[in-house]
Each structure stands twice: as structure tokens, then as C-alpha cells.
Amino acid sequence: MAATVQLRTYTVREGLLDEWVQRWREEIVPLRLRFGFTLGHAWIDRERNQFIWTISYEGEQSFEERNREYWNCPERAAMSLDPKDYLEATDKQEVARVY
């Protein structure tokens, strides 16, 4: 199965961008990697209060199936990290590399 790649843009609540980035690095990244996701680059746009990153998955399951397993796992629940507490808006786009 070909890799699915998503470009994700999150608009973070005022004053929480640095905290979001720290929690993403320390909590989300390690668990995503354990679930077989590949994380590309991540950027912040302070002017727009945005966090932008890429995530991909290539495996036996579809991206959606593996993502659902990630969200339903006990480790994710134990994080006590609700994106709604940090994010005002999210945009996810499936993209394909051309270069």
C-alpha cells in the first residue's frame, strides 16, 4: 500500500503555542512513532499562531485504520491531552510529493 501523507495546519489558542509544541514533542511524537507513523518536518508560524507538520503512514492498514488505533489506545488516553484545549482550528490535507 502506498504511503498516505497528510499536511496538518493547526491554529493554536493565543498564548499556548510553545506549550503545545512541547507536549507534541514529548508526548505525541513518541507514541505516533511507536504506531508506525513517520513524521516529517514541523514548523511554527508565530504571526498566525499556527503549528504545521507532516505525518505519513505506510503499512498493512490504511492511514485511517491505524490512526483510529492510535486514538483508541490506552497510552493516548493516559496523556490527558485533549486537542480542543489547545487548538482553535485544524486543517488536514492529503498531499503527494512531486520533488
PDB file of N, CA and C in Angstrom:
ATOM      1  N   MET A   1       0.851  -1.175   0.000  1.00  0.00           N
ATOM      2  CA  MET A   1       0.000   0.000   0.000  1.00  0.00           C
ATOM      3  C   MET A   1       0.902   1.245   0.000  1.00  0.00           C
ATOM      4  N   ALA A   2       0.582   2.219  -0.835  1.00  0.00           N
ATOM      5  CA  ALA A   2       1.367   3.455  -0.914  1.00  0.00           C
ATOM      6  C   ALA A   2       1.172   4.284   0.349  1.00  0.00           C
ATOM      7  N   ALA A   3       2.186   5.033   0.673  1.00  0.00           N
ATOM      8  CA  ALA A   3       2.124   5.869   1.865  1.00  0.00           C
ATOM      9  C   ALA A   3       1.070   6.950   1.703  1.00  0.00           C
ATOM     10  N   THR A   4       0.364   7.210   2.776  1.00  0.00           N
ATOM     11  CA  THR A   4      -0.547   8.348   2.864  1.00  0.00           C
ATOM     12  C   THR A   4       0.184   9.436   3.627  1.00  0.00           C
ATOM     13  N   VAL A   5       0.214  10.631   3.059  1.00  0.00           N
ATOM     14  CA  VAL A   5       0.884  11.756   3.700  1.00  0.00           C
ATOM     15  C   VAL A   5      -0.136  12.862   3.928  1.00  0.00           C
ATOM     16  N   GLN A   6      -0.138  13.374   5.139  1.00  0.00           N
ATOM     17  CA  GLN A   6      -1.022  14.494   5.464  1.00  0.00           C
ATOM     18  C   GLN A   6      -0.192  15.704   5.876  1.00  0.00           C
ATOM     19  N   LEU A   7      -0.611  16.854   5.388  1.00  0.00           N
ATOM     20  CA  LEU A   7      -0.091  18.135   5.828  1.00  0.00           C
ATOM     21  C   LEU A   7      -1.146  18.694   6.767  1.00  0.00           C
ATOM     22  N   ARG A   8      -0.729  18.927   8.000  1.00  0.00           N
ATOM     23  CA  ARG A   8      -1.678  19.387   9.015  1.00  0.00           C
ATOM     24  C   ARG A   8      -1.308  20.791   9.488  1.00  0.00           C
ATOM     25  N   THR A   9      -2.292  21.651   9.512  1.00  0.00           N
ATOM     26  CA  THR A   9      -2.108  23.017   9.989  1.00  0.00           C
ATOM     27  C   THR A   9      -3.076  23.244  11.141  1.00  0.00           C
ATOM     28  N   TYR A  10      -2.513  23.563  12.294  1.00  0.00           N
ATOM     29  CA  TYR A  10      -3.322  23.801  13.486  1.00  0.00           C
ATOM     30  C   TYR A  10      -3.189  25.260  13.889  1.00  0.00           C
ATOM     31  N   THR A  11      -4.309  25.905  14.127  1.00  0.00           N
ATOM     32  CA  THR A  11      -4.294  27.234  14.705  1.00  0.00           C
ATOM     33  C   THR A  11      -4.447  27.050  16.215  1.00  0.00           C
ATOM     34  N   VAL A  12      -3.430  27.504  16.934  1.00  0.00           N
ATOM     35  CA  VAL A  12      -3.338  27.256  18.374  1.00  0.00           C
ATOM     36  C   VAL A  12      -3.898  28.459  19.141  1.00  0.00           C
ATOM     37  N   ARG A  13      -4.549  28.176  20.241  1.00  0.00           N
ATOM     38  CA  ARG A  13      -5.104  29.244  21.087  1.00  0.00           C
ATOM     39  C   ARG A  13      -3.990  30.192  21.530  1.00  0.00           C
ATOM     40  N   GLU A  14      -4.343  31.449  21.604  1.00  0.00           N
ATOM     41  CA  GLU A  14      -3.402  32.500  21.992  1.00  0.00           C
ATOM     42  C   GLU A  14      -2.674  32.130  23.281  1.00  0.00           C
ATOM     43  N   GLY A  15      -1.352  32.258  23.261  1.00  0.00           N
ATOM     44  CA  GLY A  15      -0.533  32.018  24.441  1.00  0.00           C
ATOM     45  C   GLY A  15      -0.167  30.569  24.705  1.00  0.00           C
ATOM     46  N   LEU A  16      -0.638  29.628  23.872  1.00  0.00           N
ATOM     47  CA  LEU A  16      -0.403  28.211  24.135  1.00  0.00           C
ATOM     48  C   LEU A  16       0.490  27.531  23.097  1.00  0.00           C
ATOM     49  N   LEU A  17       1.026  28.288  22.157  1.00  0.00           N
ATOM     50  CA  LEU A  17       1.816  27.683  21.083  1.00  0.00           C
ATOM     51  C   LEU A  17       3.035  26.943  21.614  1.00  0.00           C
ATOM     52  N   ASP A  18       3.813  27.560  22.473  1.00  0.00           N
ATOM     53  CA  ASP A  18       5.016  26.900  22.989  1.00  0.00           C
ATOM     54  C   ASP A  18       4.671  25.667  23.826  1.00  0.00           C
ATOM     55  N   GLU A  19       3.627  25.764  24.624  1.00  0.00           N
ATOM     56  CA  GLU A  19       3.207  24.608  25.421  1.00  0.00           C
ATOM     57  C   GLU A  19       2.728  23.476  24.515  1.00  0.00           C
ATOM     58  N   TRP A  20       1.983  23.819  23.467  1.00  0.00           N
ATOM     59  CA  TRP A  20       1.526  22.805  22.526  1.00  0.00           C
ATOM     60  C   TRP A  20       2.713  22.094  21.890  1.00  0.00           C
ATOM     61  N   VAL A  21       3.697  22.863  21.408  1.00  0.00           N
ATOM     62  CA  VAL A  21       4.865  22.280  20.760  1.00  0.00           C
ATOM     63  C   VAL A  21       5.601  21.348  21.719  1.00  0.00           C
ATOM     64  N   GLN A  22       5.766  21.757  22.941  1.00  0.00           N
ATOM     65  CA  GLN A  22       6.460  20.927  23.926  1.00  0.00           C
ATOM     66  C   GLN A  22       5.711  19.613  24.158  1.00  0.00           C
ATOM     67  N   ARG A  23       4.413  19.696  24.347  1.00  0.00           N
ATOM     68  CA  ARG A  23       3.635  18.475  24.584  1.00  0.00           C
ATOM     69  C   ARG A  23       3.614  17.597  23.340  1.00  0.00           C
ATOM     70  N   TRP A  24       3.544  18.211  22.154  1.00  0.00           N
ATOM     71  CA  TRP A  24       3.585  17.443  20.911  1.00  0.00           C
ATOM     72  C   TRP A  24       4.889  16.664  20.822  1.00  0.00           C
ATOM     73  N   ARG A  25       6.015  17.343  21.085  1.00  0.00           N
ATOM     74  CA  ARG A  25       7.332  16.690  21.018  1.00  0.00           C
ATOM     75  C   ARG A  25       7.468  15.564  22.035  1.00  0.00           C
ATOM     76  N   GLU A  26       7.072  15.839  23.267  1.00  0.00           N
ATOM     77  CA  GLU A  26       7.315  14.903  24.366  1.00  0.00           C
ATOM     78  C   GLU A  26       6.303  13.768  24.457  1.00  0.00           C
ATOM     79  N   GLU A  27       5.073  13.998  24.041  1.00  0.00           N
ATOM     80  CA  GLU A  27       4.026  13.001  24.225  1.00  0.00           C
ATOM     81  C   GLU A  27       3.512  12.407  22.918  1.00  0.00           C
ATOM     82  N   ILE A  28       3.178  13.264  21.980  1.00  0.00           N
ATOM     83  CA  ILE A  28       2.562  12.790  20.742  1.00  0.00           C
ATOM     84  C   ILE A  28       3.576  12.102  19.835  1.00  0.00           C
ATOM     85  N   VAL A  29       4.717  12.736  19.621  1.00  0.00           N
ATOM     86  CA  VAL A  29       5.714  12.180  18.694  1.00  0.00           C
ATOM     87  C   VAL A  29       6.112  10.751  19.066  1.00  0.00           C
ATOM     88  N   PRO A  30       6.535  10.481  20.303  1.00  0.00           N
ATOM     89  CA  PRO A  30       6.956   9.106  20.612  1.00  0.00           C
ATOM     90  C   PRO A  30       5.863   8.059  20.375  1.00  0.00           C
ATOM     91  N   LEU A  31       4.626   8.389  20.705  1.00  0.00           N
ATOM     92  CA  LEU A  31       3.542   7.429  20.525  1.00  0.00           C
ATOM     93  C   LEU A  31       3.220   7.238  19.043  1.00  0.00           C
ATOM     94  N   ARG A  32       3.201   8.323  18.298  1.00  0.00           N
ATOM     95  CA  ARG A  32       2.975   8.200  16.847  1.00  0.00           C
ATOM     96  C   ARG A  32       4.040   7.298  16.218  1.00  0.00           C
ATOM     97  N   LEU A  33       5.280   7.468  16.609  1.00  0.00           N
ATOM     98  CA  LEU A  33       6.361   6.647  16.060  1.00  0.00           C
ATOM     99  C   LEU A  33       6.180   5.179  16.426  1.00  0.00           C
ATOM    100  N   ARG A  34       5.762   4.914  17.664  1.00  0.00           N
ATOM    101  CA  ARG A  34       5.523   3.530  18.076  1.00  0.00           C
ATOM    102  C   ARG A  34       4.417   2.879  17.259  1.00  0.00           C
ATOM    103  N   PHE A  35       3.490   3.686  16.772  1.00  0.00           N
ATOM    104  CA  PHE A  35       2.394   3.168  15.960  1.00  0.00           C
ATOM    105  C   PHE A  35       2.756   3.087  14.480  1.00  0.00           C
ATOM    106  N   GLY A  36       3.999   3.373  14.150  1.00  0.00           N
ATOM    107  CA  GLY A  36       4.468   3.201  12.784  1.00  0.00           C
ATOM    108  C   GLY A  36       4.291   4.396  11.873  1.00  0.00           C
ATOM    109  N   PHE A  37       3.888   5.518  12.426  1.00  0.00           N
ATOM    110  CA  PHE A  37       3.768   6.722  11.617  1.00  0.00           C
ATOM    111  C   PHE A  37       5.158   7.320  11.406  1.00  0.00           C
ATOM    112  N   THR A  38       5.316   8.013  10.310  1.00  0.00           N
ATOM    113  CA  THR A  38       6.536   8.755  10.040  1.00  0.00           C
ATOM    114  C   THR A  38       6.184  10.229  10.118  1.00  0.00           C
ATOM    115  N   LEU A  39       6.982  10.960  10.871  1.00  0.00           N
ATOM    116  CA  LEU A  39       6.743  12.393  10.997  1.00  0.00           C
ATOM    117  C   LEU A  39       7.795  13.120  10.189  1.00  0.00           C
ATOM    118  N   GLY A  40       7.321  14.004   9.327  1.00  0.00           N
ATOM    119  CA  GLY A  40       8.238  14.812   8.531  1.00  0.00           C
ATOM    120  C   GLY A  40       8.667  16.016   9.351  1.00  0.00           C
ATOM    121  N   HIS A  41       8.676  17.125   8.729  1.00  0.00           N
ATOM    122  CA  HIS A  41       9.062  18.352   9.414  1.00  0.00           C
ATOM    123  C   HIS A  41       7.876  18.952  10.152  1.00  0.00           C
ATOM    124  N   ALA A  42       8.192  19.824  11.094  1.00  0.00           N
ATOM    125  CA  ALA A  42       7.172  20.584  11.818  1.00  0.00           C
ATOM    126  C   ALA A  42       7.663  22.024  11.907  1.00  0.00           C
ATOM    127  N   TRP A  43       6.736  22.940  11.756  1.00  0.00           N
ATOM    128  CA  TRP A  43       7.065  24.360  11.767  1.00  0.00           C
ATOM    129  C   TRP A  43       6.064  25.118  12.633  1.00  0.00           C
ATOM    130  N   ILE A  44       6.481  26.282  13.097  1.00  0.00           N
ATOM    131  CA  ILE A  44       5.536  27.182  13.753  1.00  0.00           C
ATOM    132  C   ILE A  44       5.529  28.505  12.986  1.00  0.00           C
ATOM    133  N   ASP A  45       4.369  29.110  12.933  1.00  0.00           N
ATOM    134  CA  ASP A  45       4.174  30.430  12.354  1.00  0.00           C
ATOM    135  C   ASP A  45       3.618  31.288  13.479  1.00  0.00           C
ATOM    136  N   ARG A  46       4.510  31.980  14.169  1.00  0.00           N
ATOM    137  CA  ARG A  46       4.098  32.758  15.348  1.00  0.00           C
ATOM    138  C   ARG A  46       3.117  33.873  14.988  1.00  0.00           C
ATOM    139  N   GLU A  47       3.291  34.451  13.823  1.00  0.00           N
ATOM    140  CA  GLU A  47       2.417  35.550  13.414  1.00  0.00           C
ATOM    141  C   GLU A  47       0.959  35.100  13.332  1.00  0.00           C
ATOM    142  N   ARG A  48       0.747  33.883  12.852  1.00  0.00           N
ATOM    143  CA  ARG A  48      -0.614  33.350  12.715  1.00  0.00           C
ATOM    144  C   ARG A  48      -0.988  32.392  13.850  1.00  0.00           C
ATOM    145  N   ASN A  49      -0.067  32.196  14.777  1.00  0.00           N
ATOM    146  CA  ASN A  49      -0.292  31.265  15.890  1.00  0.00           C
ATOM    147  C   ASN A  49      -0.606  29.864  15.363  1.00  0.00           C
ATOM    148  N   GLN A  50       0.209  29.418  14.393  1.00  0.00           N
ATOM    149  CA  GLN A  50      -0.047  28.129  13.766  1.00  0.00           C
ATOM    150  C   GLN A  50       1.114  27.158  13.952  1.00  0.00           C
ATOM    151  N   PHE A  51       0.738  25.903  14.004  1.00  0.00           N
ATOM    152  CA  PHE A  51       1.664  24.779  14.059  1.00  0.00           C
ATOM    153  C   PHE A  51       1.378  23.949  12.822  1.00  0.00           C
ATOM    154  N   ILE A  52       2.403  23.699  12.014  1.00  0.00           N
ATOM    155  CA  ILE A  52       2.239  22.991  10.751  1.00  0.00           C
ATOM    156  C   ILE A  52       3.180  21.789  10.758  1.00  0.00           C
ATOM    157  N   TRP A  53       2.684  20.618  10.357  1.00  0.00           N
ATOM    158  CA  TRP A  53       3.522  19.424  10.352  1.00  0.00           C
ATOM    159  C   TRP A  53       3.036  18.426   9.322  1.00  0.00           C
ATOM    160  N   THR A  54       3.909  17.461   9.019  1.00  0.00           N
ATOM    161  CA  THR A  54       3.520  16.388   8.117  1.00  0.00           C
ATOM    162  C   THR A  54       3.613  15.055   8.855  1.00  0.00           C
ATOM    163  N   ILE A  55       2.686  14.194   8.524  1.00  0.00           N
ATOM    164  CA  ILE A  55       2.638  12.850   9.095  1.00  0.00           C
ATOM    165  C   ILE A  55       2.276  11.889   7.974  1.00  0.00           C
ATOM    166  N   SER A  56       2.901  10.715   7.996  1.00  0.00           N
ATOM    167  CA  SER A  56       2.581   9.726   6.970  1.00  0.00           C
ATOM    168  C   SER A  56       2.530   8.336   7.587  1.00  0.00           C
ATOM    169  N   TYR A  57       1.899   7.447   6.840  1.00  0.00           N
ATOM    170  CA  TYR A  57       1.826   6.053   7.258  1.00  0.00           C
ATOM    171  C   TYR A  57       1.821   5.181   6.020  1.00  0.00           C
ATOM    172  N   GLU A  58       2.628   4.130   6.072  1.00  0.00           N
ATOM    173  CA  GLU A  58       2.675   3.143   5.006  1.00  0.00           C
ATOM    174  C   GLU A  58       2.754   1.778   5.669  1.00  0.00           C
ATOM    175  N   GLY A  59       1.702   1.028   5.563  1.00  0.00           N
ATOM    176  CA  GLY A  59       1.686  -0.269   6.214  1.00  0.00           C
ATOM    177  C   GLY A  59       0.542  -1.126   5.712  1.00  0.00           C
ATOM    178  N   GLU A  60       0.295  -2.191   6.438  1.00  0.00           N
ATOM    179  CA  GLU A  60      -0.761  -3.131   6.066  1.00  0.00           C
ATOM    180  C   GLU A  60      -2.148  -2.495   6.163  1.00  0.00           C
ATOM    181  N   GLN A  61      -2.315  -1.617   7.121  1.00  0.00           N
ATOM    182  CA  GLN A  61      -3.605  -0.965   7.335  1.00  0.00           C
ATOM    183  C   GLN A  61      -3.650   0.347   6.568  1.00  0.00           C
ATOM    184  N   SER A  62      -4.836   0.907   6.471  1.00  0.00           N
ATOM    185  CA  SER A  62      -4.948   2.242   5.896  1.00  0.00           C
ATOM    186  C   SER A  62      -4.530   3.263   6.952  1.00  0.00           C
ATOM    187  N   PHE A  63      -4.242   4.454   6.514  1.00  0.00           N
ATOM    188  CA  PHE A  63      -3.915   5.536   7.442  1.00  0.00           C
ATOM    189  C   PHE A  63      -5.039   5.696   8.459  1.00  0.00           C
ATOM    190  N   GLU A  64      -6.277   5.694   7.975  1.00  0.00           N
ATOM    191  CA  GLU A  64      -7.429   5.911   8.848  1.00  0.00           C
ATOM    192  C   GLU A  64      -7.548   4.821   9.915  1.00  0.00           C
ATOM    193  N   GLU A  65      -7.337   3.559   9.513  1.00  0.00           N
ATOM    194  CA  GLU A  65      -7.415   2.452  10.478  1.00  0.00           C
ATOM    195  C   GLU A  65      -6.330   2.587  11.546  1.00  0.00           C
ATOM    196  N   ARG A  66      -5.113   2.852  11.109  1.00  0.00           N
ATOM    197  CA  ARG A  66      -4.007   2.968  12.066  1.00  0.00           C
ATOM    198  C   ARG A  66      -4.195   4.180  12.952  1.00  0.00           C
ATOM    199  N   ASN A  67      -4.687   5.268  12.392  1.00  0.00           N
ATOM    200  CA  ASN A  67      -4.941   6.482  13.181  1.00  0.00           C
ATOM    201  C   ASN A  67      -6.013   6.236  14.245  1.00  0.00           C
ATOM    202  N   ARG A  68      -7.034   5.486  13.881  1.00  0.00           N
ATOM    203  CA  ARG A  68      -8.093   5.151  14.838  1.00  0.00           C
ATOM    204  C   ARG A  68      -7.522   4.326  15.994  1.00  0.00           C
ATOM    205  N   GLU A  69      -6.640   3.371  15.678  1.00  0.00           N
ATOM    206  CA  GLU A  69      -6.000   2.577  16.727  1.00  0.00           C
ATOM    207  C   GLU A  69      -5.156   3.458  17.648  1.00  0.00           C
ATOM    208  N   TYR A  70      -4.443   4.408  17.055  1.00  0.00           N
ATOM    209  CA  TYR A  70      -3.655   5.358  17.852  1.00  0.00           C
ATOM    210  C   TYR A  70      -4.559   6.099  18.837  1.00  0.00           C
ATOM    211  N   TRP A  71      -5.650   6.659  18.341  1.00  0.00           N
ATOM    212  CA  TRP A  71      -6.536   7.448  19.191  1.00  0.00           C
ATOM    213  C   TRP A  71      -7.233   6.602  20.260  1.00  0.00           C
ATOM    214  N   ASN A  72      -7.447   5.329  19.995  1.00  0.00           N
ATOM    215  CA  ASN A  72      -8.165   4.465  20.939  1.00  0.00           C
ATOM    216  C   ASN A  72      -7.258   3.702  21.897  1.00  0.00           C
ATOM    217  N   CYS A  73      -5.959   3.866  21.781  1.00  0.00           N
ATOM    218  CA  CYS A  73      -5.056   3.100  22.637  1.00  0.00           C
ATOM    219  C   CYS A  73      -5.003   3.677  24.058  1.00  0.00           C
ATOM    220  N   PRO A  74      -4.725   2.854  25.049  1.00  0.00           N
ATOM    221  CA  PRO A  74      -4.664   3.312  26.440  1.00  0.00           C
ATOM    222  C   PRO A  74      -3.596   4.389  26.673  1.00  0.00           C
ATOM    223  N   GLU A  75      -2.482   4.306  25.949  1.00  0.00           N
ATOM    224  CA  GLU A  75      -1.411   5.286  26.124  1.00  0.00           C
ATOM    225  C   GLU A  75      -1.874   6.681  25.710  1.00  0.00           C
ATOM    226  N   ARG A  76      -2.670   6.748  24.646  1.00  0.00           N
ATOM    227  CA  ARG A  76      -3.172   8.056  24.200  1.00  0.00           C
ATOM    228  C   ARG A  76      -4.163   8.603  25.215  1.00  0.00           C
ATOM    229  N   ALA A  77      -5.015   7.764  25.735  1.00  0.00           N
ATOM    230  CA  ALA A  77      -5.986   8.205  26.745  1.00  0.00           C
ATOM    231  C   ALA A  77      -5.284   8.685  28.006  1.00  0.00           C
ATOM    232  N   ALA A  78      -4.180   8.045  28.356  1.00  0.00           N
ATOM    233  CA  ALA A  78      -3.452   8.403  29.573  1.00  0.00           C
ATOM    234  C   ALA A  78      -2.752   9.759  29.465  1.00  0.00           C
ATOM    235  N   MET A  79      -2.597  10.275  28.265  1.00  0.00           N
ATOM    236  CA  MET A  79      -1.941  11.571  28.088  1.00  0.00           C
ATOM    237  C   MET A  79      -2.707  12.721  28.718  1.00  0.00           C
ATOM    238  N   SER A  80      -4.001  12.581  28.821  1.00  0.00           N
ATOM    239  CA  SER A  80      -4.837  13.696  29.282  1.00  0.00           C
ATOM    240  C   SER A  80      -4.538  14.945  28.459  1.00  0.00           C
ATOM    241  N   LEU A  81      -4.452  14.741  27.157  1.00  0.00           N
ATOM    242  CA  LEU A  81      -4.164  15.819  26.227  1.00  0.00           C
ATOM    243  C   LEU A  81      -5.297  15.883  25.217  1.00  0.00           C
ATOM    244  N   ASP A  82      -6.216  16.808  25.452  1.00  0.00           N
ATOM    245  CA  ASP A  82      -7.335  17.000  24.549  1.00  0.00           C
ATOM    246  C   ASP A  82      -6.983  18.136  23.597  1.00  0.00           C
ATOM    247  N   PRO A  83      -6.880  17.847  22.292  1.00  0.00           N
ATOM    248  CA  PRO A  83      -6.523  18.903  21.350  1.00  0.00           C
ATOM    249  C   PRO A  83      -7.433  20.130  21.435  1.00  0.00           C
ATOM    250  N   LYS A  84      -8.682  19.936  21.811  1.00  0.00           N
ATOM    251  CA  LYS A  84      -9.616  21.068  21.908  1.00  0.00           C
ATOM    252  C   LYS A  84      -9.172  22.092  22.939  1.00  0.00           C
ATOM    253  N   ASP A  85      -8.368  21.669  23.905  1.00  0.00           N
ATOM    254  CA  ASP A  85      -7.861  22.608  24.911  1.00  0.00           C
ATOM    255  C   ASP A  85      -6.801  23.534  24.334  1.00  0.00           C
ATOM    256  N   TYR A  86      -6.210  23.143  23.218  1.00  0.00           N
ATOM    257  CA  TYR A  86      -5.115  23.898  22.611  1.00  0.00           C
ATOM    258  C   TYR A  86      -5.451  24.484  21.244  1.00  0.00           C
ATOM    259  N   LEU A  87      -6.267  23.802  20.485  1.00  0.00           N
ATOM    260  CA  LEU A  87      -6.429  24.147  19.079  1.00  0.00           C
ATOM    261  C   LEU A  87      -7.767  24.815  18.791  1.00  0.00           C
ATOM    262  N   GLU A  88      -7.691  25.936  18.088  1.00  0.00           N
ATOM    263  CA  GLU A  88      -8.905  26.628  17.654  1.00  0.00           C
ATOM    264  C   GLU A  88      -9.430  26.067  16.343  1.00  0.00           C
ATOM    265  N   ALA A  89      -8.505  25.651  15.475  1.00  0.00           N
ATOM    266  CA  ALA A  89      -8.890  25.123  14.171  1.00  0.00           C
ATOM    267  C   ALA A  89      -7.832  24.142  13.691  1.00  0.00           C
ATOM    268  N   THR A  90      -8.280  23.173  12.903  1.00  0.00           N
ATOM    269  CA  THR A  90      -7.350  22.217  12.299  1.00  0.00           C
ATOM    270  C   THR A  90      -7.692  22.070  10.826  1.00  0.00           C
ATOM    271  N   ASP A  91      -6.656  21.895  10.027  1.00  0.00           N
ATOM    272  CA  ASP A  91      -6.835  21.637   8.602  1.00  0.00           C
ATOM    273  C   ASP A  91      -5.923  20.482   8.237  1.00  0.00           C
ATOM    274  N   LYS A  92      -6.491  19.466   7.604  1.00  0.00           N
ATOM    275  CA  LYS A  92      -5.719  18.293   7.184  1.00  0.00           C
ATOM    276  C   LYS A  92      -5.884  18.139   5.684  1.00  0.00           C
ATOM    277  N   GLN A  93      -4.754  18.045   5.006  1.00  0.00           N
ATOM    278  CA  GLN A  93      -4.773  17.843   3.563  1.00  0.00           C
ATOM    279  C   GLN A  93      -3.922  16.639   3.222  1.00  0.00           C
ATOM    280  N   GLU A  94      -4.461  15.745   2.391  1.00  0.00           N
ATOM    281  CA  GLU A  94      -3.659  14.648   1.893  1.00  0.00           C
ATOM    282  C   GLU A  94      -2.858  15.175   0.723  1.00  0.00           C
ATOM    283  N   VAL A  95      -1.542  14.963   0.770  1.00  0.00           N
ATOM    284  CA  VAL A  95      -0.660  15.518  -0.262  1.00  0.00           C
ATOM    285  C   VAL A  95       0.208  14.424  -0.852  1.00  0.00           C
ATOM    286  N   ALA A  96       0.752  14.690  -2.034  1.00  0.00           N
ATOM    287  CA  ALA A  96       1.660  13.759  -2.700  1.00  0.00           C
ATOM    288  C   ALA A  96       2.930  14.525  -3.061  1.00  0.00           C
ATOM    289  N   ARG A  97       4.055  13.903  -2.814  1.00  0.00           N
ATOM    290  CA  ARG A  97       5.340  14.517  -3.101  1.00  0.00           C
ATOM    291  C   ARG A  97       5.599  14.500  -4.613  1.00  0.00           C
ATOM    292  N   VAL A  98       6.081  15.636  -5.127  1.00  0.00           N
ATOM    293  CA  VAL A  98       6.417  15.707  -6.538  1.00  0.00           C
ATOM    294  C   VAL A  98       7.895  15.969  -6.763  1.00  0.00           C
ATOM    295  N   TYR A  99       8.622  16.275  -5.682  1.00  0.00           N
ATOM    296  CA  TYR A  99      10.048  16.514  -5.781  1.00  0.00           C
ATOM    297  C   TYR A  99      10.734  16.002  -4.551  1.00  0.00           C
TER     298      TYR A  99
END
